[in-house]
């Protein structure tokens, strides 16, 4: 075999190898561009927000039925981060030990709950505070009026204390970070866009008049919750809060 023939074969193998590498690189570039295009189209159309709105509509109806069947007050808890942050909104369900009502001044309740959460978070990082004294009848004697009042207060608080409630129909979830949520109920002046927000369900078979806004980019869907039936109408726009 001549030197010239060997050189041509080596050049041919080299050329074929470079061609395969170039094809591989081209495929990778096309895949990246395709993925970016799909994500861009999803953001433009608000596909994630639309899907989230549908999931929340089914969840609200399921929790409405669960509260009626269990005979307990339940609530859907939204933990909404600052709209300017890249953190994701989380939600989960809670049920009380008994049937309880909710404050008519929801704005005050939400402020108090957010303050309590902040204090609890600070306490978990530092020395624990003094625990409230449990109700005890001292010395086996008849309880005093003060002790009776304290005992009744603890009993009511125990009935109204909410604990996590999860099932296949009511899962805890973290939403995509580019999907933003805000919540308004009839006891609020403005939708909650940052912090904790509640949507209550009562065992008597009703909930609160509420709007849940789900937004991705410029696309907004509003979940219009019926207080008497728990049915949810999904509207492809931001409904104005009733005045």
C-alpha atoms as a PDB file:
ATOM      1  CA  UNK A   1       0.000   0.000   0.000  1.00  0.00           C
ATOM      2  CA  UNK A   2       1.472   3.295  -1.077  1.00  0.00           C
ATOM      3  CA  UNK A   3       1.988   6.215   1.241  1.00  0.00           C
ATOM      4  CA  UNK A   4      -0.415   8.299  -0.816  1.00  0.00           C
ATOM      5  CA  UNK A   5      -3.203   5.702  -0.392  1.00  0.00           C
ATOM      6  CA  UNK A   6      -2.670   5.565   3.366  1.00  0.00           C
ATOM      7  CA  UNK A   7      -2.806   9.333   3.539  1.00  0.00           C
ATOM      8  CA  UNK A   8      -6.073   9.455   1.621  1.00  0.00           C
ATOM      9  CA  UNK A   9      -7.654   6.799   3.904  1.00  0.00           C
ATOM     10  CA  UNK A  10      -6.488   8.612   7.044  1.00  0.00           C
ATOM     11  CA  UNK A  11      -7.867  11.863   5.702  1.00  0.00           C
ATOM     12  CA  UNK A  12     -11.160  10.118   4.888  1.00  0.00           C
ATOM     13  CA  UNK A  13     -11.454   8.681   8.418  1.00  0.00           C
ATOM     14  CA  UNK A  14     -10.614  12.069   9.895  1.00  0.00           C
ATOM     15  CA  UNK A  15     -13.218  13.758   7.740  1.00  0.00           C
ATOM     16  CA  UNK A  16     -15.853  11.161   8.680  1.00  0.00           C
ATOM     17  CA  UNK A  17     -15.083  11.590  12.406  1.00  0.00           C
ATOM     18  CA  UNK A  18     -15.421  15.359  12.224  1.00  0.00           C
ATOM     19  CA  UNK A  19     -18.685  14.978  10.372  1.00  0.00           C
ATOM     20  CA  UNK A  20     -20.160  12.782  13.128  1.00  0.00           C
ATOM     21  CA  UNK A  21     -19.063  15.237  15.794  1.00  0.00           C
ATOM     22  CA  UNK A  22     -20.582  18.110  13.877  1.00  0.00           C
ATOM     23  CA  UNK A  23     -23.852  16.214  13.495  1.00  0.00           C
ATOM     24  CA  UNK A  24     -23.929  15.509  17.242  1.00  0.00           C
ATOM     25  CA  UNK A  25     -23.311  19.162  18.064  1.00  0.00           C
ATOM     26  CA  UNK A  26     -26.019  20.222  15.609  1.00  0.00           C
ATOM     27  CA  UNK A  27     -28.509  17.844  17.206  1.00  0.00           C
ATOM     28  CA  UNK A  28     -27.723  19.209  20.671  1.00  0.00           C
ATOM     29  CA  UNK A  29     -28.142  22.801  19.477  1.00  0.00           C
ATOM     30  CA  UNK A  30     -31.459  21.992  17.823  1.00  0.00           C
ATOM     31  CA  UNK A  31     -32.685  20.272  21.028  1.00  0.00           C
ATOM     32  CA  UNK A  32     -31.747  23.313  23.136  1.00  0.00           C
ATOM     33  CA  UNK A  33     -33.446  25.696  20.733  1.00  0.00           C
ATOM     34  CA  UNK A  34     -36.550  23.500  20.626  1.00  0.00           C
ATOM     35  CA  UNK A  35     -36.709  23.354  24.424  1.00  0.00           C
ATOM     36  CA  UNK A  36     -36.329  27.136  24.661  1.00  0.00           C
ATOM     37  CA  UNK A  37     -39.058  27.605  22.066  1.00  0.00           C
ATOM     38  CA  UNK A  38     -41.436  25.302  23.944  1.00  0.00           C
ATOM     39  CA  UNK A  39     -40.786  27.141  27.227  1.00  0.00           C
ATOM     40  CA  UNK A  40     -41.290  30.480  25.501  1.00  0.00           C
ATOM     41  CA  UNK A  41     -44.572  29.404  23.951  1.00  0.00           C
ATOM     42  CA  UNK A  42     -45.737  28.034  27.322  1.00  0.00           C
ATOM     43  CA  UNK A  43     -44.963  31.362  28.971  1.00  0.00           C
ATOM     44  CA  UNK A  44     -46.789  33.281  26.258  1.00  0.00           C
ATOM     45  CA  UNK A  45     -49.900  31.114  26.404  1.00  0.00           C
ATOM     46  CA  UNK A  46     -49.802  30.678  30.190  1.00  0.00           C
ATOM     47  CA  UNK A  47     -50.097  26.891  29.904  1.00  0.00           C
ATOM     48  CA  UNK A  48     -48.764  26.268  33.420  1.00  0.00           C
ATOM     49  CA  UNK A  49     -51.151  28.791  34.961  1.00  0.00           C
ATOM     50  CA  UNK A  50     -54.088  27.305  33.080  1.00  0.00           C
ATOM     51  CA  UNK A  51     -53.184  23.809  34.263  1.00  0.00           C
ATOM     52  CA  UNK A  52     -52.738  25.043  37.839  1.00  0.00           C
ATOM     53  CA  UNK A  53     -56.139  26.752  37.737  1.00  0.00           C
ATOM     54  CA  UNK A  54     -57.769  23.491  36.691  1.00  0.00           C
ATOM     55  CA  UNK A  55     -56.019  21.538  39.449  1.00  0.00           C
ATOM     56  CA  UNK A  56     -57.003  24.087  42.102  1.00  0.00           C
ATOM     57  CA  UNK A  57     -60.617  24.045  40.931  1.00  0.00           C
ATOM     58  CA  UNK A  58     -60.773  20.268  41.481  1.00  0.00           C
ATOM     59  CA  UNK A  59     -58.963  20.572  44.819  1.00  0.00           C
ATOM     60  CA  UNK A  60     -61.377  23.218  46.129  1.00  0.00           C
ATOM     61  CA  UNK A  61     -64.374  21.088  45.248  1.00  0.00           C
ATOM     62  CA  UNK A  62     -62.786  18.035  46.902  1.00  0.00           C
ATOM     63  CA  UNK A  63     -62.009  19.923  50.118  1.00  0.00           C
ATOM     64  CA  UNK A  64     -65.565  21.315  50.155  1.00  0.00           C
ATOM     65  CA  UNK A  65     -66.902  17.731  50.072  1.00  0.00           C
ATOM     66  CA  UNK A  66     -64.353  16.542  52.659  1.00  0.00           C
ATOM     67  CA  UNK A  67     -65.397  19.212  55.184  1.00  0.00           C
ATOM     68  CA  UNK A  68     -69.049  18.236  54.815  1.00  0.00           C
ATOM     69  CA  UNK A  69     -68.375  14.498  55.117  1.00  0.00           C
ATOM     70  CA  UNK A  70     -65.957  14.828  58.067  1.00  0.00           C
ATOM     71  CA  UNK A  71     -68.139  17.335  59.910  1.00  0.00           C
ATOM     72  CA  UNK A  72     -65.150  19.578  60.522  1.00  0.00           C
ATOM     73  CA  UNK A  73     -64.051  22.991  59.401  1.00  0.00           C
ATOM     74  CA  UNK A  74     -61.205  22.756  56.888  1.00  0.00           C
ATOM     75  CA  UNK A  75     -59.183  25.326  55.043  1.00  0.00           C
ATOM     76  CA  UNK A  76     -56.856  25.574  52.073  1.00  0.00           C
ATOM     77  CA  UNK A  77     -53.653  27.355  53.109  1.00  0.00           C
ATOM     78  CA  UNK A  78     -51.622  29.285  50.535  1.00  0.00           C
ATOM     79  CA  UNK A  79     -48.070  30.320  51.392  1.00  0.00           C
ATOM     80  CA  UNK A  80     -47.394  33.078  48.887  1.00  0.00           C
ATOM     81  CA  UNK A  81     -43.853  34.477  48.497  1.00  0.00           C
ATOM     82  CA  UNK A  82     -42.985  38.020  47.521  1.00  0.00           C
ATOM     83  CA  UNK A  83     -44.083  38.507  43.880  1.00  0.00           C
ATOM     84  CA  UNK A  84     -40.634  39.869  43.037  1.00  0.00           C
ATOM     85  CA  UNK A  85     -38.860  36.775  44.356  1.00  0.00           C
ATOM     86  CA  UNK A  86     -38.231  33.554  42.458  1.00  0.00           C
ATOM     87  CA  UNK A  87     -39.665  31.401  45.263  1.00  0.00           C
ATOM     88  CA  UNK A  88     -42.614  29.137  44.564  1.00  0.00           C
ATOM     89  CA  UNK A  89     -46.108  29.355  46.056  1.00  0.00           C
ATOM     90  CA  UNK A  90     -47.018  26.388  48.253  1.00  0.00           C
ATOM     91  CA  UNK A  91     -50.398  25.181  49.418  1.00  0.00           C
ATOM     92  CA  UNK A  92     -51.759  22.488  51.719  1.00  0.00           C
ATOM     93  CA  UNK A  93     -55.007  21.592  53.472  1.00  0.00           C
ATOM     94  CA  UNK A  94     -55.790  21.725  57.197  1.00  0.00           C
ATOM     95  CA  UNK A  95     -58.800  20.636  59.252  1.00  0.00           C
ATOM     96  CA  UNK A  96     -59.823  21.610  62.782  1.00  0.00           C
ATOM     97  CA  UNK A  97     -60.868  19.136  65.468  1.00  0.00           C
ATOM     98  CA  UNK A  98     -64.386  20.517  65.411  1.00  0.00           C
ATOM     99  CA  UNK A  99     -66.704  22.945  63.691  1.00  0.00           C
ATOM    100  CA  UNK A 100     -65.394  26.476  64.065  1.00  0.00           C
ATOM    101  CA  UNK A 101     -66.123  29.798  62.455  1.00  0.00           C
ATOM    102  CA  UNK A 102     -63.721  32.329  61.062  1.00  0.00           C
ATOM    103  CA  UNK A 103     -63.145  35.979  61.854  1.00  0.00           C
ATOM    104  CA  UNK A 104     -65.165  38.461  59.832  1.00  0.00           C
ATOM    105  CA  UNK A 105     -62.152  40.767  59.743  1.00  0.00           C
ATOM    106  CA  UNK A 106     -59.904  38.547  57.636  1.00  0.00           C
ATOM    107  CA  UNK A 107     -57.297  41.262  57.016  1.00  0.00           C
ATOM    108  CA  UNK A 108     -56.594  41.480  60.759  1.00  0.00           C
ATOM    109  CA  UNK A 109     -56.534  37.686  61.077  1.00  0.00           C
ATOM    110  CA  UNK A 110     -54.020  37.367  58.237  1.00  0.00           C
ATOM    111  CA  UNK A 111     -51.758  40.024  59.731  1.00  0.00           C
ATOM    112  CA  UNK A 112     -51.874  38.302  63.117  1.00  0.00           C
ATOM    113  CA  UNK A 113     -51.161  34.884  61.567  1.00  0.00           C
ATOM    114  CA  UNK A 114     -48.230  36.219  59.568  1.00  0.00           C
ATOM    115  CA  UNK A 115     -46.843  37.861  62.711  1.00  0.00           C
ATOM    116  CA  UNK A 116     -47.276  34.594  64.633  1.00  0.00           C
ATOM    117  CA  UNK A 117     -45.480  32.650  61.899  1.00  0.00           C
ATOM    118  CA  UNK A 118     -42.573  35.107  61.958  1.00  0.00           C
ATOM    119  CA  UNK A 119     -42.326  34.853  65.753  1.00  0.00           C
ATOM    120  CA  UNK A 120     -42.421  31.058  65.566  1.00  0.00           C
ATOM    121  CA  UNK A 121     -39.658  31.082  62.990  1.00  0.00           C
ATOM    122  CA  UNK A 122     -37.511  33.345  65.188  1.00  0.00           C
ATOM    123  CA  UNK A 123     -38.224  31.203  68.244  1.00  0.00           C
ATOM    124  CA  UNK A 124     -37.124  28.063  66.399  1.00  0.00           C
ATOM    125  CA  UNK A 125     -33.755  29.672  65.814  1.00  0.00           C
ATOM    126  CA  UNK A 126     -33.299  30.795  69.404  1.00  0.00           C
ATOM    127  CA  UNK A 127     -34.077  29.808  72.984  1.00  0.00           C
ATOM    128  CA  UNK A 128     -37.599  28.538  73.393  1.00  0.00           C
ATOM    129  CA  UNK A 129     -40.044  30.761  75.174  1.00  0.00           C
ATOM    130  CA  UNK A 130     -41.872  29.936  78.314  1.00  0.00           C
ATOM    131  CA  UNK A 131     -44.729  27.535  77.626  1.00  0.00           C
ATOM    132  CA  UNK A 132     -48.189  28.444  78.757  1.00  0.00           C
ATOM    133  CA  UNK A 133     -49.201  26.633  81.942  1.00  0.00           C
ATOM    134  CA  UNK A 134     -51.543  23.709  81.357  1.00  0.00           C
ATOM    135  CA  UNK A 135     -54.846  23.521  83.183  1.00  0.00           C
ATOM    136  CA  UNK A 136     -54.420  21.607  86.426  1.00  0.00           C
ATOM    137  CA  UNK A 137     -56.601  21.262  89.497  1.00  0.00           C
ATOM    138  CA  UNK A 138     -54.218  22.004  92.332  1.00  0.00           C
ATOM    139  CA  UNK A 139     -54.057  19.693  95.345  1.00  0.00           C
ATOM    140  CA  UNK A 140     -57.075  17.643  94.254  1.00  0.00           C
ATOM    141  CA  UNK A 141     -59.396  20.376  95.566  1.00  0.00           C
ATOM    142  CA  UNK A 142     -62.304  21.872  93.630  1.00  0.00           C
ATOM    143  CA  UNK A 143     -61.122  24.100  90.777  1.00  0.00           C
ATOM    144  CA  UNK A 144     -61.354  27.826  91.225  1.00  0.00           C
ATOM    145  CA  UNK A 145     -63.266  30.067  88.827  1.00  0.00           C
ATOM    146  CA  UNK A 146     -59.994  31.120  87.245  1.00  0.00           C
ATOM    147  CA  UNK A 147     -58.959  27.502  86.687  1.00  0.00           C
ATOM    148  CA  UNK A 148     -62.350  26.668  85.184  1.00  0.00           C
ATOM    149  CA  UNK A 149     -62.103  29.587  82.783  1.00  0.00           C
ATOM    150  CA  UNK A 150     -58.562  28.558  81.807  1.00  0.00           C
ATOM    151  CA  UNK A 151     -59.682  24.988  81.237  1.00  0.00           C
ATOM    152  CA  UNK A 152     -62.588  26.052  79.035  1.00  0.00           C
ATOM    153  CA  UNK A 153     -60.287  28.337  77.063  1.00  0.00           C
ATOM    154  CA  UNK A 154     -57.877  25.465  76.405  1.00  0.00           C
ATOM    155  CA  UNK A 155     -60.754  23.194  75.374  1.00  0.00           C
ATOM    156  CA  UNK A 156     -62.042  25.712  72.835  1.00  0.00           C
ATOM    157  CA  UNK A 157     -58.551  26.333  71.515  1.00  0.00           C
ATOM    158  CA  UNK A 158     -58.026  22.591  71.082  1.00  0.00           C
ATOM    159  CA  UNK A 159     -61.246  22.315  69.049  1.00  0.00           C
ATOM    160  CA  UNK A 160     -60.289  25.241  66.854  1.00  0.00           C
ATOM    161  CA  UNK A 161     -56.679  24.156  66.343  1.00  0.00           C
ATOM    162  CA  UNK A 162     -55.972  23.178  62.757  1.00  0.00           C
ATOM    163  CA  UNK A 163     -53.738  20.281  61.770  1.00  0.00           C
ATOM    164  CA  UNK A 164     -52.520  19.158  58.363  1.00  0.00           C
ATOM    165  CA  UNK A 165     -54.905  17.086  56.308  1.00  0.00           C
ATOM    166  CA  UNK A 166     -53.724  15.265  53.200  1.00  0.00           C
ATOM    167  CA  UNK A 167     -55.176  12.622  50.940  1.00  0.00           C
ATOM    168  CA  UNK A 168     -54.870  11.569  47.333  1.00  0.00           C
ATOM    169  CA  UNK A 169     -57.568  14.102  46.461  1.00  0.00           C
ATOM    170  CA  UNK A 170     -56.068  16.898  48.578  1.00  0.00           C
ATOM    171  CA  UNK A 171     -52.279  16.813  48.184  1.00  0.00           C
ATOM    172  CA  UNK A 172     -49.752  19.358  49.387  1.00  0.00           C
ATOM    173  CA  UNK A 173     -47.996  20.960  46.483  1.00  0.00           C
ATOM    174  CA  UNK A 174     -45.439  23.501  45.331  1.00  0.00           C
ATOM    175  CA  UNK A 175     -46.386  25.405  42.187  1.00  0.00           C
ATOM    176  CA  UNK A 176     -43.988  26.293  39.360  1.00  0.00           C
ATOM    177  CA  UNK A 177     -41.980  29.363  40.344  1.00  0.00           C
ATOM    178  CA  UNK A 178     -43.238  31.375  37.362  1.00  0.00           C
ATOM    179  CA  UNK A 179     -46.878  30.845  38.357  1.00  0.00           C
ATOM    180  CA  UNK A 180     -48.092  33.514  40.788  1.00  0.00           C
ATOM    181  CA  UNK A 181     -51.162  33.227  43.020  1.00  0.00           C
ATOM    182  CA  UNK A 182     -53.247  35.759  44.941  1.00  0.00           C
ATOM    183  CA  UNK A 183     -56.380  35.095  47.016  1.00  0.00           C
ATOM    184  CA  UNK A 184     -59.401  37.227  47.898  1.00  0.00           C
ATOM    185  CA  UNK A 185     -62.364  36.307  50.121  1.00  0.00           C
ATOM    186  CA  UNK A 186     -65.419  38.390  51.013  1.00  0.00           C
ATOM    187  CA  UNK A 187     -63.931  39.285  54.412  1.00  0.00           C
ATOM    188  CA  UNK A 188     -60.920  40.972  52.788  1.00  0.00           C
ATOM    189  CA  UNK A 189     -60.549  44.391  51.225  1.00  0.00           C
ATOM    190  CA  UNK A 190     -57.813  43.378  48.788  1.00  0.00           C
ATOM    191  CA  UNK A 191     -56.381  40.074  47.479  1.00  0.00           C
ATOM    192  CA  UNK A 192     -53.467  38.628  49.438  1.00  0.00           C
ATOM    193  CA  UNK A 193     -50.399  38.748  47.179  1.00  0.00           C
ATOM    194  CA  UNK A 194     -47.728  38.005  49.772  1.00  0.00           C
ATOM    195  CA  UNK A 195     -47.813  35.932  52.959  1.00  0.00           C
ATOM    196  CA  UNK A 196     -50.439  33.454  54.126  1.00  0.00           C
ATOM    197  CA  UNK A 197     -53.961  33.251  52.688  1.00  0.00           C
ATOM    198  CA  UNK A 198     -56.872  31.006  53.707  1.00  0.00           C
ATOM    199  CA  UNK A 199     -59.942  29.630  51.989  1.00  0.00           C
ATOM    200  CA  UNK A 200     -62.324  28.062  54.553  1.00  0.00           C
ATOM    201  CA  UNK A 201     -64.793  25.181  54.101  1.00  0.00           C
ATOM    202  CA  UNK A 202     -67.491  24.524  56.702  1.00  0.00           C
ATOM    203  CA  UNK A 203     -69.271  21.253  57.599  1.00  0.00           C
ATOM    204  CA  UNK A 204     -72.692  22.819  57.054  1.00  0.00           C
ATOM    205  CA  UNK A 205     -72.015  22.654  53.323  1.00  0.00           C
ATOM    206  CA  UNK A 206     -70.770  26.074  52.364  1.00  0.00           C
ATOM    207  CA  UNK A 207     -67.555  27.986  51.837  1.00  0.00           C
ATOM    208  CA  UNK A 208     -66.634  31.637  51.377  1.00  0.00           C
ATOM    209  CA  UNK A 209     -67.171  33.756  48.300  1.00  0.00           C
ATOM    210  CA  UNK A 210     -63.653  33.852  46.923  1.00  0.00           C
ATOM    211  CA  UNK A 211     -61.502  34.669  43.926  1.00  0.00           C
ATOM    212  CA  UNK A 212     -58.218  32.828  43.431  1.00  0.00           C
ATOM    213  CA  UNK A 213     -56.041  34.484  40.792  1.00  0.00           C
ATOM    214  CA  UNK A 214     -53.496  32.329  38.951  1.00  0.00           C
ATOM    215  CA  UNK A 215     -51.047  34.249  36.769  1.00  0.00           C
ATOM    216  CA  UNK A 216     -48.187  33.405  34.427  1.00  0.00           C
ATOM    217  CA  UNK A 217     -46.699  36.357  32.603  1.00  0.00           C
ATOM    218  CA  UNK A 218     -49.548  38.448  31.197  1.00  0.00           C
ATOM    219  CA  UNK A 219     -52.013  35.553  31.384  1.00  0.00           C
ATOM    220  CA  UNK A 220     -54.447  35.453  34.317  1.00  0.00           C
ATOM    221  CA  UNK A 221     -57.146  32.972  35.237  1.00  0.00           C
ATOM    222  CA  UNK A 222     -59.634  33.637  38.035  1.00  0.00           C
ATOM    223  CA  UNK A 223     -61.224  30.846  40.063  1.00  0.00           C
ATOM    224  CA  UNK A 224     -64.671  32.120  41.057  1.00  0.00           C
ATOM    225  CA  UNK A 225     -65.752  30.035  44.090  1.00  0.00           C
ATOM    226  CA  UNK A 226     -69.480  29.729  44.829  1.00  0.00           C
ATOM    227  CA  UNK A 227     -70.144  29.924  48.621  1.00  0.00           C
ATOM    228  CA  UNK A 228     -73.253  27.712  48.650  1.00  0.00           C
ATOM    229  CA  UNK A 229     -72.229  24.879  46.332  1.00  0.00           C
ATOM    230  CA  UNK A 230     -68.427  24.937  46.355  1.00  0.00           C
ATOM    231  CA  UNK A 231     -68.444  24.918  42.558  1.00  0.00           C
ATOM    232  CA  UNK A 232     -65.626  26.744  40.823  1.00  0.00           C
ATOM    233  CA  UNK A 233     -65.887  28.657  37.571  1.00  0.00           C
ATOM    234  CA  UNK A 234     -62.549  29.246  35.841  1.00  0.00           C
ATOM    235  CA  UNK A 235     -62.545  32.580  33.966  1.00  0.00           C
ATOM    236  CA  UNK A 236     -59.753  33.529  31.539  1.00  0.00           C
ATOM    237  CA  UNK A 237     -59.327  37.034  32.953  1.00  0.00           C
ATOM    238  CA  UNK A 238     -58.744  38.872  36.222  1.00  0.00           C
ATOM    239  CA  UNK A 239     -62.160  39.522  37.759  1.00  0.00           C
ATOM    240  CA  UNK A 240     -62.540  42.726  39.744  1.00  0.00           C
ATOM    241  CA  UNK A 241     -62.935  42.357  43.496  1.00  0.00           C
ATOM    242  CA  UNK A 242     -66.509  43.271  44.584  1.00  0.00           C
ATOM    243  CA  UNK A 243     -66.756  46.517  46.526  1.00  0.00           C
END
